[in-house]
Amino acid sequence: MAARHQHNLLDTGSRAPGFRLPRLAGGWATLNDLISNGPVLLAFFKVTCPVCQLTFPFLERLHLAGTLPIYGISQNDAEDTREFNREFGVTFPTLLDNEENGFAASNAFGISSVPTVFLIGRDGAISRVIEGWRKKEIEWLGAKTGVSPFRRGESVPEWKAG
């Protein structure tokens, strides 16, 4: 569990809480900045999470299509997050939501396990929530972005808890 207190995970139809988080590359980002041009995918993670390590290379494939902005939200410090991104080939933008800020965004979204992914519309409404690894959900995201996230012969599990 990333946060110190148990919160209820926000569900589809809920309004995404606003946040202001540091970008790994420098500067700051707010939710309003991110959704200003349309829907975005927010993927909360921890660098030591094996299910995050499984999930993020597939999110990277979706990111490369350029049709849906994806933002990782790391619950770790900048150095560990940079190393994770290098090791797992993550090039999409990453924000930091760690102990320094009390996991403010993670708590506001009700994160209790990672990875947890939210598809947020331009209006700020949550239209999809994915906890852990769900192959069918990644396929759904692939259809939405026009990308096949899985390659022929790749063996991927149907489900893994976060």
Protein backbone atom coordinates (compact mmCIF):
# COMPACT_ATOMS: atom_id res chain seq x y z
CA MET A 1 0.00 0.00 0.00
CA ALA A 2 1.44 3.32 -1.04
CA ALA A 3 -0.45 5.60 1.24
CA ARG A 4 -0.56 5.71 4.99
CA HIS A 5 -4.35 5.62 5.22
CA GLN A 6 -6.86 3.41 3.47
CA HIS A 7 -9.04 5.40 1.07
CA ASN A 8 -11.84 4.35 -1.23
CA LEU A 9 -10.71 3.99 -4.82
CA LEU A 10 -12.43 6.44 -7.12
CA ASP A 11 -14.72 4.74 -9.59
CA THR A 12 -15.92 5.28 -13.14
CA GLY A 13 -18.06 8.40 -13.32
CA SER A 14 -16.31 10.09 -10.39
CA ARG A 15 -14.63 13.41 -10.86
CA ALA A 16 -10.85 13.12 -10.82
CA PRO A 17 -9.33 15.19 -8.01
CA GLY A 18 -7.09 18.04 -9.03
CA PHE A 19 -3.40 17.79 -8.30
CA ARG A 20 -0.12 19.60 -8.84
CA LEU A 21 2.87 17.28 -9.06
CA PRO A 22 6.52 17.67 -10.03
CA ARG A 23 7.49 16.29 -13.42
CA LEU A 24 10.44 13.90 -13.45
CA ALA A 25 11.85 15.97 -16.32
CA GLY A 26 11.45 19.20 -14.35
CA GLY A 27 8.66 21.67 -13.76
CA TRP A 28 5.16 20.96 -12.57
CA ALA A 29 1.95 19.50 -13.95
CA THR A 30 -1.65 19.86 -12.87
CA LEU A 31 -4.54 17.65 -13.82
CA ASN A 32 -6.11 20.60 -15.65
CA ASP A 33 -2.92 21.00 -17.74
CA LEU A 34 -2.94 17.31 -18.64
CA ILE A 35 -6.59 17.09 -19.72
CA SER A 36 -6.71 20.45 -21.51
CA ASN A 37 -6.31 18.80 -24.94
CA GLY A 38 -8.44 15.72 -24.32
CA PRO A 39 -8.46 12.42 -22.43
CA VAL A 40 -5.36 11.15 -20.64
CA LEU A 41 -4.32 7.92 -19.01
CA LEU A 42 -2.80 8.17 -15.52
CA ALA A 43 -0.85 5.11 -14.36
CA PHE A 44 0.10 5.04 -10.67
CA PHE A 45 3.08 2.79 -9.86
CA LYS A 46 5.94 1.85 -7.56
CA VAL A 47 9.32 0.87 -8.97
CA THR A 48 9.52 -2.34 -6.88
CA CYS A 49 6.09 -3.59 -7.98
CA PRO A 50 6.43 -6.67 -10.22
CA VAL A 51 2.99 -6.11 -11.76
CA CYS A 52 3.99 -2.52 -12.62
CA GLN A 53 7.14 -3.90 -14.24
CA LEU A 54 4.92 -6.20 -16.33
CA THR A 55 2.41 -3.47 -17.23
CA PHE A 56 4.54 -0.47 -18.13
CA PRO A 57 6.25 -1.84 -21.26
CA PHE A 58 2.76 -2.47 -22.70
CA LEU A 59 1.65 1.05 -21.75
CA GLU A 60 4.79 2.28 -23.54
CA ARG A 61 3.64 0.52 -26.72
CA LEU A 62 0.31 2.35 -26.45
CA HIS A 63 2.13 5.62 -25.81
CA LEU A 64 4.19 5.27 -28.99
CA ALA A 65 1.00 5.49 -31.07
CA GLY A 66 0.66 9.09 -29.91
CA THR A 67 -3.13 8.94 -29.83
CA LEU A 68 -3.64 8.91 -26.05
CA PRO A 69 -1.37 10.84 -23.69
CA ILE A 70 -0.09 8.56 -20.91
CA TYR A 71 1.44 9.80 -17.67
CA GLY A 72 3.12 7.60 -15.11
CA ILE A 73 2.69 8.71 -11.52
CA SER A 74 5.55 7.30 -9.47
CA GLN A 75 5.31 6.76 -5.74
CA ASN A 76 9.11 6.76 -5.55
CA ASP A 77 11.86 9.36 -5.61
CA ALA A 78 13.26 10.83 -8.82
CA GLU A 79 16.44 8.73 -8.92
CA ASP A 80 14.65 5.38 -8.51
CA THR A 81 11.97 6.45 -10.98
CA ARG A 82 14.56 7.39 -13.62
CA GLU A 83 16.19 3.98 -13.22
CA PHE A 84 12.80 2.22 -13.54
CA ASN A 85 12.04 4.17 -16.72
CA ARG A 86 15.45 3.26 -18.18
CA GLU A 87 15.17 -0.41 -17.25
CA PHE A 88 11.62 -0.86 -18.59
CA GLY A 89 11.90 1.44 -21.61
CA VAL A 90 9.37 4.00 -20.40
CA THR A 91 9.48 7.25 -22.38
CA PHE A 92 6.08 8.71 -21.53
CA PRO A 93 6.09 11.61 -19.07
CA THR A 94 6.33 10.74 -15.40
CA LEU A 95 5.13 12.69 -12.38
CA LEU A 96 6.27 12.20 -8.79
CA ASP A 97 3.79 11.55 -5.98
CA ASN A 98 5.87 10.24 -3.12
CA GLU A 99 6.39 10.42 0.60
CA GLU A 100 7.73 13.99 0.31
CA ASN A 101 4.23 15.25 -0.56
CA GLY A 102 2.44 12.64 1.56
CA PHE A 103 1.28 10.72 -1.54
CA ALA A 104 -1.28 13.49 -2.06
CA ALA A 105 -2.53 12.38 -5.49
CA SER A 106 -2.46 8.67 -4.62
CA ASN A 107 -4.52 9.33 -1.51
CA ALA A 108 -6.95 11.60 -3.36
CA PHE A 109 -7.56 8.89 -5.99
CA GLY A 110 -7.89 6.23 -3.27
CA ILE A 111 -4.94 4.13 -4.42
CA SER A 112 -4.34 1.08 -2.24
CA SER A 113 -2.44 -1.08 -4.74
CA VAL A 114 -0.42 -0.50 -7.88
CA PRO A 115 -0.55 -0.42 -10.75
CA THR A 116 -3.83 1.45 -10.85
CA VAL A 117 -4.72 3.19 -14.11
CA PHE A 118 -7.35 5.87 -14.70
CA LEU A 119 -8.66 7.09 -18.04
CA ILE A 120 -9.77 10.67 -17.49
CA GLY A 121 -11.81 12.69 -19.94
CA ARG A 122 -11.31 16.31 -20.87
CA ASP A 123 -14.16 17.17 -18.48
CA GLY A 124 -12.27 15.61 -15.57
CA ALA A 125 -14.56 12.59 -15.25
CA ILE A 126 -13.03 9.15 -14.78
CA SER A 127 -14.19 6.90 -17.61
CA ARG A 128 -12.16 3.76 -16.83
CA VAL A 129 -10.35 2.33 -13.79
CA ILE A 130 -7.96 -0.61 -14.08
CA GLU A 131 -6.45 -2.17 -10.95
CA GLY A 132 -3.53 -4.55 -11.34
CA TRP A 133 -2.91 -6.31 -14.65
CA ARG A 134 -5.90 -7.17 -16.80
CA LYS A 135 -4.99 -8.31 -20.30
CA LYS A 136 -8.50 -7.54 -21.63
CA GLU A 137 -8.26 -3.96 -20.35
CA ILE A 138 -4.89 -3.46 -22.06
CA GLU A 139 -6.45 -4.86 -25.26
CA TRP A 140 -9.33 -2.39 -24.83
CA LEU A 141 -6.83 0.47 -24.45
CA GLY A 142 -5.02 -0.84 -27.53
CA ALA A 143 -8.25 -0.69 -29.53
CA LYS A 144 -8.83 2.85 -28.27
CA THR A 145 -5.33 3.95 -29.35
CA GLY A 146 -5.24 1.95 -32.58
CA VAL A 147 -2.32 -0.20 -31.41
CA SER A 148 -2.00 -3.91 -30.85
CA PRO A 149 -0.30 -4.00 -27.45
CA PHE A 150 0.67 -7.66 -27.75
CA ARG A 151 2.96 -9.23 -30.30
CA ARG A 152 2.49 -12.61 -31.91
CA GLY A 153 3.84 -15.35 -29.69
CA GLU A 154 4.02 -13.20 -26.58
CA SER A 155 2.84 -15.03 -23.51
CA VAL A 156 1.04 -12.65 -21.18
CA PRO A 157 -1.14 -13.54 -18.22
CA GLU A 158 -4.86 -12.77 -18.26
CA TRP A 159 -4.82 -11.24 -14.78
CA LYS A 160 -2.47 -10.36 -11.94
CA ALA A 161 -3.39 -8.51 -8.77
CA GLY A 162 -1.56 -5.28 -8.05
